[in-house]
Amino acid sequence: MKVFKVKSDLRDYQSLCFEKEREERGLEDPYFECQSRLENWIMPDIYCDSPECKRGNFFYLFGIPGAFALDTHAKVELSDLLEQSGELLPFYVDDEPMYLFNVLEPVAKPFNY
């Protein structure tokens, strides 16, 4: 089995930020701790913090440790894999659909990288 790690590279690649503080949007800790949020999901206002940087298919989302966002291309390619252990919560950045990956089934034992 191959295991891949998604790492953030904030110096070279675009990252995303919330327009409002998480608490104002009802995303206070521990909002995402292995609980489904899709049924009551309210899309937050999110913007690209670094439009001058390279654009990848995965994005670091400031304010939610351990979470990541992905674009439509990554969703199409990885949805079968990701949806086995979580859910993809939709949102938009500049009218482009994106998705926040919310883990529902955590790995029981962390991998040593």
PDB file of N, CA and C in Angstrom:
ATOM      1  N   MET A   1       0.841  -1.175   0.000  1.00  0.00           N
ATOM      2  CA  MET A   1       0.000   0.000   0.000  1.00  0.00           C
ATOM      3  C   MET A   1       0.888   1.240   0.000  1.00  0.00           C
ATOM      4  N   LYS A   2       0.541   2.196  -0.831  1.00  0.00           N
ATOM      5  CA  LYS A   2       1.261   3.465  -0.846  1.00  0.00           C
ATOM      6  C   LYS A   2       0.560   4.444   0.084  1.00  0.00           C
ATOM      7  N   VAL A   3       1.346   5.194   0.819  1.00  0.00           N
ATOM      8  CA  VAL A   3       0.816   6.224   1.707  1.00  0.00           C
ATOM      9  C   VAL A   3       1.422   7.546   1.280  1.00  0.00           C
ATOM     10  N   PHE A   4       0.592   8.554   1.082  1.00  0.00           N
ATOM     11  CA  PHE A   4       1.052   9.871   0.680  1.00  0.00           C
ATOM     12  C   PHE A   4       0.731  10.868   1.776  1.00  0.00           C
ATOM     13  N   LYS A   5       1.580  11.833   1.920  1.00  0.00           N
ATOM     14  CA  LYS A   5       1.368  12.887   2.904  1.00  0.00           C
ATOM     15  C   LYS A   5       1.209  14.211   2.159  1.00  0.00           C
ATOM     16  N   VAL A   6       0.157  14.941   2.460  1.00  0.00           N
ATOM     17  CA  VAL A   6      -0.055  16.262   1.878  1.00  0.00           C
ATOM     18  C   VAL A   6       0.593  17.266   2.820  1.00  0.00           C
ATOM     19  N   LYS A   7       1.601  17.969   2.322  1.00  0.00           N
ATOM     20  CA  LYS A   7       2.302  18.960   3.145  1.00  0.00           C
ATOM     21  C   LYS A   7       1.982  20.359   2.626  1.00  0.00           C
ATOM     22  N   SER A   8       1.996  21.313   3.517  1.00  0.00           N
ATOM     23  CA  SER A   8       1.770  22.700   3.096  1.00  0.00           C
ATOM     24  C   SER A   8       3.103  23.344   2.726  1.00  0.00           C
ATOM     25  N   ASP A   9       3.076  24.113   1.663  1.00  0.00           N
ATOM     26  CA  ASP A   9       4.238  24.876   1.204  1.00  0.00           C
ATOM     27  C   ASP A   9       3.747  26.308   1.019  1.00  0.00           C
ATOM     28  N   LEU A  10       3.669  27.031   2.120  1.00  0.00           N
ATOM     29  CA  LEU A  10       3.071  28.368   2.111  1.00  0.00           C
ATOM     30  C   LEU A  10       3.927  29.401   1.400  1.00  0.00           C
ATOM     31  N   ARG A  11       5.177  29.093   1.188  1.00  0.00           N
ATOM     32  CA  ARG A  11       6.065  30.051   0.525  1.00  0.00           C
ATOM     33  C   ARG A  11       5.853  30.044  -0.991  1.00  0.00           C
ATOM     34  N   ASP A  12       5.586  28.861  -1.560  1.00  0.00           N
ATOM     35  CA  ASP A  12       5.510  28.735  -3.010  1.00  0.00           C
ATOM     36  C   ASP A  12       4.103  28.533  -3.567  1.00  0.00           C
ATOM     37  N   TYR A  13       3.172  28.051  -2.735  1.00  0.00           N
ATOM     38  CA  TYR A  13       1.838  27.725  -3.238  1.00  0.00           C
ATOM     39  C   TYR A  13       0.747  28.541  -2.541  1.00  0.00           C
ATOM     40  N   GLN A  14      -0.364  28.701  -3.245  1.00  0.00           N
ATOM     41  CA  GLN A  14      -1.491  29.467  -2.719  1.00  0.00           C
ATOM     42  C   GLN A  14      -2.060  28.820  -1.458  1.00  0.00           C
ATOM     43  N   SER A  15      -2.567  29.658  -0.572  1.00  0.00           N
ATOM     44  CA  SER A  15      -3.248  29.201   0.636  1.00  0.00           C
ATOM     45  C   SER A  15      -4.564  29.963   0.754  1.00  0.00           C
ATOM     46  N   LEU A  16      -5.439  29.492   1.620  1.00  0.00           N
ATOM     47  CA  LEU A  16      -6.774  30.072   1.758  1.00  0.00           C
ATOM     48  C   LEU A  16      -7.010  30.563   3.178  1.00  0.00           C
ATOM     49  N   CYS A  17      -7.877  31.574   3.307  1.00  0.00           N
ATOM     50  CA  CYS A  17      -8.222  32.149   4.612  1.00  0.00           C
ATOM     51  C   CYS A  17      -9.726  32.392   4.680  1.00  0.00           C
ATOM     52  N   PHE A  18     -10.251  32.370   5.899  1.00  0.00           N
ATOM     53  CA  PHE A  18     -11.648  32.722   6.127  1.00  0.00           C
ATOM     54  C   PHE A  18     -11.809  34.233   6.088  1.00  0.00           C
ATOM     55  N   GLU A  19     -12.921  34.702   5.502  1.00  0.00           N
ATOM     56  CA  GLU A  19     -13.239  36.132   5.514  1.00  0.00           C
ATOM     57  C   GLU A  19     -13.510  36.605   6.939  1.00  0.00           C
ATOM     58  N   LYS A  20     -14.192  35.766   7.727  1.00  0.00           N
ATOM     59  CA  LYS A  20     -14.524  36.093   9.116  1.00  0.00           C
ATOM     60  C   LYS A  20     -13.825  35.091  10.013  1.00  0.00           C
ATOM     61  N   GLU A  21     -13.700  35.437  11.273  1.00  0.00           N
ATOM     62  CA  GLU A  21     -13.125  34.505  12.240  1.00  0.00           C
ATOM     63  C   GLU A  21     -13.970  33.231  12.280  1.00  0.00           C
ATOM     64  N   ARG A  22     -13.330  32.107  12.514  1.00  0.00           N
ATOM     65  CA  ARG A  22     -14.042  30.829  12.575  1.00  0.00           C
ATOM     66  C   ARG A  22     -15.192  30.870  13.562  1.00  0.00           C
ATOM     67  N   GLU A  23     -14.976  31.507  14.699  1.00  0.00           N
ATOM     68  CA  GLU A  23     -16.003  31.540  15.733  1.00  0.00           C
ATOM     69  C   GLU A  23     -17.259  32.259  15.244  1.00  0.00           C
ATOM     70  N   GLU A  24     -17.076  33.285  14.406  1.00  0.00           N
ATOM     71  CA  GLU A  24     -18.225  34.009  13.866  1.00  0.00           C
ATOM     72  C   GLU A  24     -19.022  33.140  12.900  1.00  0.00           C
ATOM     73  N   ARG A  25     -18.378  32.138  12.315  1.00  0.00           N
ATOM     74  CA  ARG A  25     -19.035  31.250  11.360  1.00  0.00           C
ATOM     75  C   ARG A  25     -19.526  29.967  12.016  1.00  0.00           C
ATOM     76  N   GLY A  26     -19.332  29.837  13.341  1.00  0.00           N
ATOM     77  CA  GLY A  26     -19.761  28.632  14.033  1.00  0.00           C
ATOM     78  C   GLY A  26     -18.811  27.462  13.859  1.00  0.00           C
ATOM     79  N   LEU A  27     -17.548  27.737  13.578  1.00  0.00           N
ATOM     80  CA  LEU A  27     -16.565  26.675  13.358  1.00  0.00           C
ATOM     81  C   LEU A  27     -15.583  26.567  14.513  1.00  0.00           C
ATOM     82  N   GLU A  28     -16.027  26.904  15.712  1.00  0.00           N
ATOM     83  CA  GLU A  28     -15.103  26.883  16.844  1.00  0.00           C
ATOM     84  C   GLU A  28     -14.648  25.459  17.153  1.00  0.00           C
ATOM     85  N   ASP A  29     -13.488  25.353  17.820  1.00  0.00           N
ATOM     86  CA  ASP A  29     -12.956  24.043  18.220  1.00  0.00           C
ATOM     87  C   ASP A  29     -13.958  23.373  19.144  1.00  0.00           C
ATOM     88  N   PRO A  30     -14.156  22.115  19.100  1.00  0.00           N
ATOM     89  CA  PRO A  30     -13.621  21.097  18.198  1.00  0.00           C
ATOM     90  C   PRO A  30     -14.614  20.737  17.094  1.00  0.00           C
ATOM     91  N   TYR A  31     -14.957  21.636  16.236  1.00  0.00           N
ATOM     92  CA  TYR A  31     -16.011  21.479  15.234  1.00  0.00           C
ATOM     93  C   TYR A  31     -15.834  20.246  14.349  1.00  0.00           C
ATOM     94  N   PHE A  32     -14.613  19.991  13.889  1.00  0.00           N
ATOM     95  CA  PHE A  32     -14.410  18.934  12.897  1.00  0.00           C
ATOM     96  C   PHE A  32     -13.951  17.603  13.472  1.00  0.00           C
ATOM     97  N   GLU A  33     -13.998  17.388  14.754  1.00  0.00           N
ATOM     98  CA  GLU A  33     -13.430  16.181  15.345  1.00  0.00           C
ATOM     99  C   GLU A  33     -14.245  14.931  15.031  1.00  0.00           C
ATOM    100  N   CYS A  34     -14.069  14.432  13.818  1.00  0.00           N
ATOM    101  CA  CYS A  34     -14.668  13.164  13.359  1.00  0.00           C
ATOM    102  C   CYS A  34     -16.190  13.160  13.430  1.00  0.00           C
ATOM    103  N   GLN A  35     -16.807  14.308  13.235  1.00  0.00           N
ATOM    104  CA  GLN A  35     -18.261  14.427  13.225  1.00  0.00           C
ATOM    105  C   GLN A  35     -18.703  14.901  11.847  1.00  0.00           C
ATOM    106  N   SER A  36     -19.722  14.266  11.294  1.00  0.00           N
ATOM    107  CA  SER A  36     -20.236  14.676   9.997  1.00  0.00           C
ATOM    108  C   SER A  36     -20.845  16.077  10.101  1.00  0.00           C
ATOM    109  N   ARG A  37     -20.546  16.903   9.136  1.00  0.00           N
ATOM    110  CA  ARG A  37     -21.068  18.275   9.110  1.00  0.00           C
ATOM    111  C   ARG A  37     -21.817  18.585   7.817  1.00  0.00           C
ATOM    112  N   LEU A  38     -21.884  17.626   6.914  1.00  0.00           N
ATOM    113  CA  LEU A  38     -22.437  17.880   5.589  1.00  0.00           C
ATOM    114  C   LEU A  38     -23.905  18.297   5.621  1.00  0.00           C
ATOM    115  N   GLU A  39     -24.713  17.646   6.458  1.00  0.00           N
ATOM    116  CA  GLU A  39     -26.153  17.922   6.480  1.00  0.00           C
ATOM    117  C   GLU A  39     -26.467  19.373   6.855  1.00  0.00           C
ATOM    118  N   ASN A  40     -25.719  19.947   7.784  1.00  0.00           N
ATOM    119  CA  ASN A  40     -25.979  21.317   8.242  1.00  0.00           C
ATOM    120  C   ASN A  40     -24.909  22.302   7.794  1.00  0.00           C
ATOM    121  N   TRP A  41     -24.121  21.937   6.789  1.00  0.00           N
ATOM    122  CA  TRP A  41     -22.997  22.749   6.332  1.00  0.00           C
ATOM    123  C   TRP A  41     -23.466  24.082   5.759  1.00  0.00           C
ATOM    124  N   ILE A  42     -22.913  25.150   6.263  1.00  0.00           N
ATOM    125  CA  ILE A  42     -23.122  26.491   5.715  1.00  0.00           C
ATOM    126  C   ILE A  42     -21.782  26.924   5.148  1.00  0.00           C
ATOM    127  N   MET A  43     -21.758  27.159   3.846  1.00  0.00           N
ATOM    128  CA  MET A  43     -20.491  27.493   3.198  1.00  0.00           C
ATOM    129  C   MET A  43     -19.900  28.776   3.759  1.00  0.00           C
ATOM    130  N   PRO A  44     -18.671  28.707   4.261  1.00  0.00           N
ATOM    131  CA  PRO A  44     -18.019  29.924   4.759  1.00  0.00           C
ATOM    132  C   PRO A  44     -17.475  30.751   3.601  1.00  0.00           C
ATOM    133  N   ASP A  45     -17.285  32.033   3.848  1.00  0.00           N
ATOM    134  CA  ASP A  45     -16.650  32.906   2.867  1.00  0.00           C
ATOM    135  C   ASP A  45     -15.145  32.747   3.018  1.00  0.00           C
ATOM    136  N   ILE A  46     -14.500  32.306   1.950  1.00  0.00           N
ATOM    137  CA  ILE A  46     -13.065  32.020   1.965  1.00  0.00           C
ATOM    138  C   ILE A  46     -12.424  32.728   0.782  1.00  0.00           C
ATOM    139  N   TYR A  47     -11.210  33.219   0.985  1.00  0.00           N
ATOM    140  CA  TYR A  47     -10.484  33.886  -0.100  1.00  0.00           C
ATOM    141  C   TYR A  47      -9.063  33.340  -0.197  1.00  0.00           C
ATOM    142  N   CYS A  48      -8.447  33.568  -1.358  1.00  0.00           N
ATOM    143  CA  CYS A  48      -7.064  33.151  -1.578  1.00  0.00           C
ATOM    144  C   CYS A  48      -6.151  34.203  -0.969  1.00  0.00           C
ATOM    145  N   ASP A  49      -5.319  33.767  -0.023  1.00  0.00           N
ATOM    146  CA  ASP A  49      -4.424  34.658   0.704  1.00  0.00           C
ATOM    147  C   ASP A  49      -3.186  35.026  -0.101  1.00  0.00           C
ATOM    148  N   SER A  50      -2.854  34.240  -1.105  1.00  0.00           N
ATOM    149  CA  SER A  50      -1.592  34.429  -1.826  1.00  0.00           C
ATOM    150  C   SER A  50      -1.763  34.197  -3.326  1.00  0.00           C
ATOM    151  N   PRO A  51      -2.563  35.032  -4.006  1.00  0.00           N
ATOM    152  CA  PRO A  51      -2.837  34.804  -5.425  1.00  0.00           C
ATOM    153  C   PRO A  51      -1.598  34.880  -6.319  1.00  0.00           C
ATOM    154  N   GLU A  52      -0.539  35.505  -5.826  1.00  0.00           N
ATOM    155  CA  GLU A  52       0.683  35.623  -6.628  1.00  0.00           C
ATOM    156  C   GLU A  52       1.488  34.322  -6.666  1.00  0.00           C
ATOM    157  N   CYS A  53       1.184  33.391  -5.795  1.00  0.00           N
ATOM    158  CA  CYS A  53       1.916  32.116  -5.717  1.00  0.00           C
ATOM    159  C   CYS A  53       1.358  31.104  -6.717  1.00  0.00           C
ATOM    160  N   LYS A  54       2.098  30.002  -6.886  1.00  0.00           N
ATOM    161  CA  LYS A  54       1.657  28.919  -7.764  1.00  0.00           C
ATOM    162  C   LYS A  54       0.372  28.317  -7.214  1.00  0.00           C
ATOM    163  N   ARG A  55      -0.442  27.842  -8.143  1.00  0.00           N
ATOM    164  CA  ARG A  55      -1.698  27.214  -7.746  1.00  0.00           C
ATOM    165  C   ARG A  55      -1.544  25.703  -7.826  1.00  0.00           C
ATOM    166  N   GLY A  56      -1.821  25.027  -6.729  1.00  0.00           N
ATOM    167  CA  GLY A  56      -1.807  23.565  -6.718  1.00  0.00           C
ATOM    168  C   GLY A  56      -3.229  23.048  -6.713  1.00  0.00           C
ATOM    169  N   ASN A  57      -3.382  21.764  -6.458  1.00  0.00           N
ATOM    170  CA  ASN A  57      -4.708  21.163  -6.354  1.00  0.00           C
ATOM    171  C   ASN A  57      -5.158  21.024  -4.909  1.00  0.00           C
ATOM    172  N   PHE A  58      -4.212  21.215  -3.972  1.00  0.00           N
ATOM    173  CA  PHE A  58      -4.490  21.165  -2.544  1.00  0.00           C
ATOM    174  C   PHE A  58      -4.127  22.510  -1.940  1.00  0.00           C
ATOM    175  N   PHE A  59      -4.869  22.924  -0.902  1.00  0.00           N
ATOM    176  CA  PHE A  59      -4.661  24.240  -0.314  1.00  0.00           C
ATOM    177  C   PHE A  59      -4.648  24.145   1.199  1.00  0.00           C
ATOM    178  N   TYR A  60      -3.715  24.853   1.810  1.00  0.00           N
ATOM    179  CA  TYR A  60      -3.705  25.004   3.259  1.00  0.00           C
ATOM    180  C   TYR A  60      -4.795  26.001   3.609  1.00  0.00           C
ATOM    181  N   LEU A  61      -5.606  25.682   4.601  1.00  0.00           N
ATOM    182  CA  LEU A  61      -6.690  26.563   5.029  1.00  0.00           C
ATOM    183  C   LEU A  61      -6.373  27.047   6.432  1.00  0.00           C
ATOM    184  N   PHE A  62      -5.976  28.317   6.534  1.00  0.00           N
ATOM    185  CA  PHE A  62      -5.624  28.890   7.834  1.00  0.00           C
ATOM    186  C   PHE A  62      -6.810  28.808   8.783  1.00  0.00           C
ATOM    187  N   GLY A  63      -6.554  28.406  10.014  1.00  0.00           N
ATOM    188  CA  GLY A  63      -7.592  28.398  11.035  1.00  0.00           C
ATOM    189  C   GLY A  63      -8.171  27.037  11.347  1.00  0.00           C
ATOM    190  N   ILE A  64      -7.869  26.025  10.530  1.00  0.00           N
ATOM    191  CA  ILE A  64      -8.360  24.681  10.819  1.00  0.00           C
ATOM    192  C   ILE A  64      -7.172  23.727  10.763  1.00  0.00           C
ATOM    193  N   PRO A  65      -6.506  23.524  11.881  1.00  0.00           N
ATOM    194  CA  PRO A  65      -5.333  22.642  11.896  1.00  0.00           C
ATOM    195  C   PRO A  65      -5.682  21.225  11.449  1.00  0.00           C
ATOM    196  N   GLY A  66      -4.836  20.683  10.596  1.00  0.00           N
ATOM    197  CA  GLY A  66      -5.032  19.311  10.141  1.00  0.00           C
ATOM    198  C   GLY A  66      -5.988  19.157   8.976  1.00  0.00           C
ATOM    199  N   ALA A  67      -6.726  20.183   8.632  1.00  0.00           N
ATOM    200  CA  ALA A  67      -7.657  20.105   7.512  1.00  0.00           C
ATOM    201  C   ALA A  67      -6.981  20.633   6.255  1.00  0.00           C
ATOM    202  N   PHE A  68      -7.505  20.241   5.121  1.00  0.00           N
ATOM    203  CA  PHE A  68      -7.015  20.806   3.874  1.00  0.00           C
ATOM    204  C   PHE A  68      -8.171  20.961   2.905  1.00  0.00           C
ATOM    205  N   ALA A  69      -7.968  21.821   1.937  1.00  0.00           N
ATOM    206  CA  ALA A  69      -8.960  22.065   0.902  1.00  0.00           C
ATOM    207  C   ALA A  69      -8.412  21.537  -0.419  1.00  0.00           C
ATOM    208  N   LEU A  70      -9.306  21.194  -1.324  1.00  0.00           N
ATOM    209  CA  LEU A  70      -8.879  20.723  -2.627  1.00  0.00           C
ATOM    210  C   LEU A  70      -9.792  21.270  -3.700  1.00  0.00           C
ATOM    211  N   ASP A  71      -9.256  21.336  -4.923  1.00  0.00           N
ATOM    212  CA  ASP A  71     -10.040  21.858  -6.032  1.00  0.00           C
ATOM    213  C   ASP A  71     -10.832  20.725  -6.688  1.00  0.00           C
ATOM    214  N   THR A  72     -11.578  21.058  -7.738  1.00  0.00           N
ATOM    215  CA  THR A  72     -12.440  20.081  -8.400  1.00  0.00           C
ATOM    216  C   THR A  72     -11.633  18.957  -9.036  1.00  0.00           C
ATOM    217  N   HIS A  73     -10.478  19.283  -9.622  1.00  0.00           N
ATOM    218  CA  HIS A  73      -9.650  18.244 -10.244  1.00  0.00           C
ATOM    219  C   HIS A  73      -9.235  17.190  -9.211  1.00  0.00           C
ATOM    220  N   ALA A  74      -8.738  17.625  -8.067  1.00  0.00           N
ATOM    221  CA  ALA A  74      -8.333  16.691  -7.012  1.00  0.00           C
ATOM    222  C   ALA A  74      -9.538  15.911  -6.495  1.00  0.00           C
ATOM    223  N   LYS A  75     -10.696  16.572  -6.397  1.00  0.00           N
ATOM    224  CA  LYS A  75     -11.910  15.884  -5.929  1.00  0.00           C
ATOM    225  C   LYS A  75     -12.287  14.753  -6.878  1.00  0.00           C
ATOM    226  N   VAL A  76     -12.276  15.036  -8.178  1.00  0.00           N
ATOM    227  CA  VAL A  76     -12.636  14.015  -9.163  1.00  0.00           C
ATOM    228  C   VAL A  76     -11.680  12.828  -9.080  1.00  0.00           C
ATOM    229  N   GLU A  77     -10.398  13.117  -8.972  1.00  0.00           N
ATOM    230  CA  GLU A  77      -9.387  12.059  -8.949  1.00  0.00           C
ATOM    231  C   GLU A  77      -9.375  11.268  -7.640  1.00  0.00           C
ATOM    232  N   LEU A  78      -9.686  11.906  -6.526  1.00  0.00           N
ATOM    233  CA  LEU A  78      -9.499  11.275  -5.216  1.00  0.00           C
ATOM    234  C   LEU A  78     -10.776  11.037  -4.414  1.00  0.00           C
ATOM    235  N   SER A  79     -11.936  11.393  -4.949  1.00  0.00           N
ATOM    236  CA  SER A  79     -13.160  11.320  -4.144  1.00  0.00           C
ATOM    237  C   SER A  79     -13.444   9.910  -3.636  1.00  0.00           C
ATOM    238  N   ASP A  80     -13.224   8.880  -4.448  1.00  0.00           N
ATOM    239  CA  ASP A  80     -13.471   7.512  -3.976  1.00  0.00           C
ATOM    240  C   ASP A  80     -12.615   7.191  -2.762  1.00  0.00           C
ATOM    241  N   LEU A  81     -11.366   7.588  -2.800  1.00  0.00           N
ATOM    242  CA  LEU A  81     -10.449   7.327  -1.694  1.00  0.00           C
ATOM    243  C   LEU A  81     -10.804   8.161  -0.463  1.00  0.00           C
ATOM    244  N   LEU A  82     -11.001   9.462  -0.663  1.00  0.00           N
ATOM    245  CA  LEU A  82     -11.263  10.358   0.465  1.00  0.00           C
ATOM    246  C   LEU A  82     -12.599  10.071   1.139  1.00  0.00           C
ATOM    247  N   GLU A  83     -13.609   9.745   0.349  1.00  0.00           N
ATOM    248  CA  GLU A  83     -14.937   9.528   0.919  1.00  0.00           C
ATOM    249  C   GLU A  83     -15.044   8.217   1.700  1.00  0.00           C
ATOM    250  N   GLN A  84     -14.006   7.375   1.652  1.00  0.00           N
ATOM    251  CA  GLN A  84     -13.974   6.176   2.490  1.00  0.00           C
ATOM    252  C   GLN A  84     -13.696   6.540   3.944  1.00  0.00           C
ATOM    253  N   SER A  85     -13.043   7.691   4.147  1.00  0.00           N
ATOM    254  CA  SER A  85     -12.656   8.067   5.516  1.00  0.00           C
ATOM    255  C   SER A  85     -13.156   9.443   5.929  1.00  0.00           C
ATOM    256  N   GLY A  86     -13.918  10.102   5.071  1.00  0.00           N
ATOM    257  CA  GLY A  86     -14.383  11.437   5.427  1.00  0.00           C
ATOM    258  C   GLY A  86     -15.425  11.950   4.461  1.00  0.00           C
ATOM    259  N   GLU A  87     -15.644  13.248   4.526  1.00  0.00           N
ATOM    260  CA  GLU A  87     -16.615  13.890   3.643  1.00  0.00           C
ATOM    261  C   GLU A  87     -15.999  15.149   3.061  1.00  0.00           C
ATOM    262  N   LEU A  88     -16.497  15.539   1.898  1.00  0.00           N
ATOM    263  CA  LEU A  88     -16.008  16.730   1.215  1.00  0.00           C
ATOM    264  C   LEU A  88     -17.063  17.824   1.343  1.00  0.00           C
ATOM    265  N   LEU A  89     -16.722  18.880   2.053  1.00  0.00           N
ATOM    266  CA  LEU A  89     -17.645  19.986   2.312  1.00  0.00           C
ATOM    267  C   LEU A  89     -17.403  21.081   1.282  1.00  0.00           C
ATOM    268  N   PRO A  90     -18.418  21.434   0.487  1.00  0.00           N
ATOM    269  CA  PRO A  90     -18.215  22.389  -0.600  1.00  0.00           C
ATOM    270  C   PRO A  90     -18.147  23.842  -0.123  1.00  0.00           C
ATOM    271  N   PHE A  91     -17.377  24.629  -0.845  1.00  0.00           N
ATOM    272  CA  PHE A  91     -17.337  26.082  -0.686  1.00  0.00           C
ATOM    273  C   PHE A  91     -16.807  26.669  -1.986  1.00  0.00           C
ATOM    274  N   TYR A  92     -16.818  27.986  -2.093  1.00  0.00           N
ATOM    275  CA  TYR A  92     -16.349  28.657  -3.309  1.00  0.00           C
ATOM    276  C   TYR A  92     -15.257  29.659  -2.975  1.00  0.00           C
ATOM    277  N   VAL A  93     -14.309  29.787  -3.900  1.00  0.00           N
ATOM    278  CA  VAL A  93     -13.303  30.844  -3.860  1.00  0.00           C
ATOM    279  C   VAL A  93     -13.352  31.507  -5.230  1.00  0.00           C
ATOM    280  N   ASP A  94     -13.727  32.774  -5.270  1.00  0.00           N
ATOM    281  CA  ASP A  94     -13.857  33.496  -6.544  1.00  0.00           C
ATOM    282  C   ASP A  94     -14.700  32.711  -7.551  1.00  0.00           C
ATOM    283  N   ASP A  95     -15.849  32.238  -7.143  1.00  0.00           N
ATOM    284  CA  ASP A  95     -16.800  31.490  -7.967  1.00  0.00           C
ATOM    285  C   ASP A  95     -16.296  30.125  -8.426  1.00  0.00           C
ATOM    286  N   GLU A  96     -15.161  29.671  -7.916  1.00  0.00           N
ATOM    287  CA  GLU A  96     -14.653  28.337  -8.252  1.00  0.00           C
ATOM    288  C   GLU A  96     -14.998  27.371  -7.124  1.00  0.00           C
ATOM    289  N   PRO A  97     -15.628  26.232  -7.458  1.00  0.00           N
ATOM    290  CA  PRO A  97     -15.954  25.270  -6.407  1.00  0.00           C
ATOM    291  C   PRO A  97     -14.696  24.630  -5.824  1.00  0.00           C
ATOM    292  N   MET A  98     -14.674  24.510  -4.518  1.00  0.00           N
ATOM    293  CA  MET A  98     -13.591  23.847  -3.796  1.00  0.00           C
ATOM    294  C   MET A  98     -14.231  23.008  -2.693  1.00  0.00           C
ATOM    295  N   TYR A  99     -13.411  22.224  -2.007  1.00  0.00           N
ATOM    296  CA  TYR A  99     -13.927  21.291  -1.014  1.00  0.00           C
ATOM    297  C   TYR A  99     -12.994  21.226   0.182  1.00  0.00           C
ATOM    298  N   LEU A 100     -13.576  21.220   1.365  1.00  0.00           N
ATOM    299  CA  LEU A 100     -12.837  21.045   2.608  1.00  0.00           C
ATOM    300  C   LEU A 100     -12.987  19.580   3.010  1.00  0.00           C
ATOM    301  N   PHE A 101     -11.867  18.904   3.217  1.00  0.00           N
ATOM    302  CA  PHE A 101     -11.917  17.498   3.612  1.00  0.00           C
ATOM    303  C   PHE A 101     -12.079  17.398   5.117  1.00  0.00           C
ATOM    304  N   ASN A 102     -13.164  16.780   5.543  1.00  0.00           N
ATOM    305  CA  ASN A 102     -13.471  16.574   6.954  1.00  0.00           C
ATOM    306  C   ASN A 102     -13.319  15.086   7.265  1.00  0.00           C
ATOM    307  N   VAL A 103     -12.332  14.730   8.073  1.00  0.00           N
ATOM    308  CA  VAL A 103     -12.063  13.334   8.425  1.00  0.00           C
ATOM    309  C   VAL A 103     -13.154  12.814   9.359  1.00  0.00           C
ATOM    310  N   LEU A 104     -13.714  11.649   9.008  1.00  0.00           N
ATOM    311  CA  LEU A 104     -14.709  10.999   9.859  1.00  0.00           C
ATOM    312  C   LEU A 104     -14.163   9.717  10.480  1.00  0.00           C
ATOM    313  N   GLU A 105     -13.223   9.082   9.822  1.00  0.00           N
ATOM    314  CA  GLU A 105     -12.608   7.842  10.299  1.00  0.00           C
ATOM    315  C   GLU A 105     -11.113   8.067  10.446  1.00  0.00           C
ATOM    316  N   PRO A 106     -10.648   8.414  11.641  1.00  0.00           N
ATOM    317  CA  PRO A 106      -9.215   8.668  11.804  1.00  0.00           C
ATOM    318  C   PRO A 106      -8.406   7.377  11.750  1.00  0.00           C
ATOM    319  N   VAL A 107      -7.157   7.511  11.358  1.00  0.00           N
ATOM    320  CA  VAL A 107      -6.246   6.374  11.378  1.00  0.00           C
ATOM    321  C   VAL A 107      -5.996   6.019  12.837  1.00  0.00           C
ATOM    322  N   ALA A 108      -6.157   4.762  13.173  1.00  0.00           N
ATOM    323  CA  ALA A 108      -6.024   4.348  14.571  1.00  0.00           C
ATOM    324  C   ALA A 108      -4.618   4.552  15.110  1.00  0.00           C
ATOM    325  N   LYS A 109      -3.632   4.337  14.280  1.00  0.00           N
ATOM    326  CA  LYS A 109      -2.250   4.460  14.706  1.00  0.00           C
ATOM    327  C   LYS A 109      -1.528   5.378  13.731  1.00  0.00           C
ATOM    328  N   PRO A 110      -0.886   6.428  14.176  1.00  0.00           N
ATOM    329  CA  PRO A 110      -0.202   7.331  13.249  1.00  0.00           C
ATOM    330  C   PRO A 110       0.952   6.629  12.546  1.00  0.00           C
ATOM    331  N   PHE A 111       1.182   7.039  11.308  1.00  0.00           N
ATOM    332  CA  PHE A 111       2.309   6.520  10.532  1.00  0.00           C
ATOM    333  C   PHE A 111       3.578   7.236  10.941  1.00  0.00           C
ATOM    334  N   ASN A 112       4.683   6.554  10.875  1.00  0.00           N
ATOM    335  CA  ASN A 112       5.989   7.195  11.052  1.00  0.00           C
ATOM    336  C   ASN A 112       6.507   7.565   9.676  1.00  0.00           C
ATOM    337  N   TYR A 113       6.742   8.838   9.441  1.00  0.00           N
ATOM    338  CA  TYR A 113       7.193   9.292   8.120  1.00  0.00           C
ATOM    339  C   TYR A 113       8.683   9.314   8.067  1.00  0.00           C
TER     340      TYR A 113
END
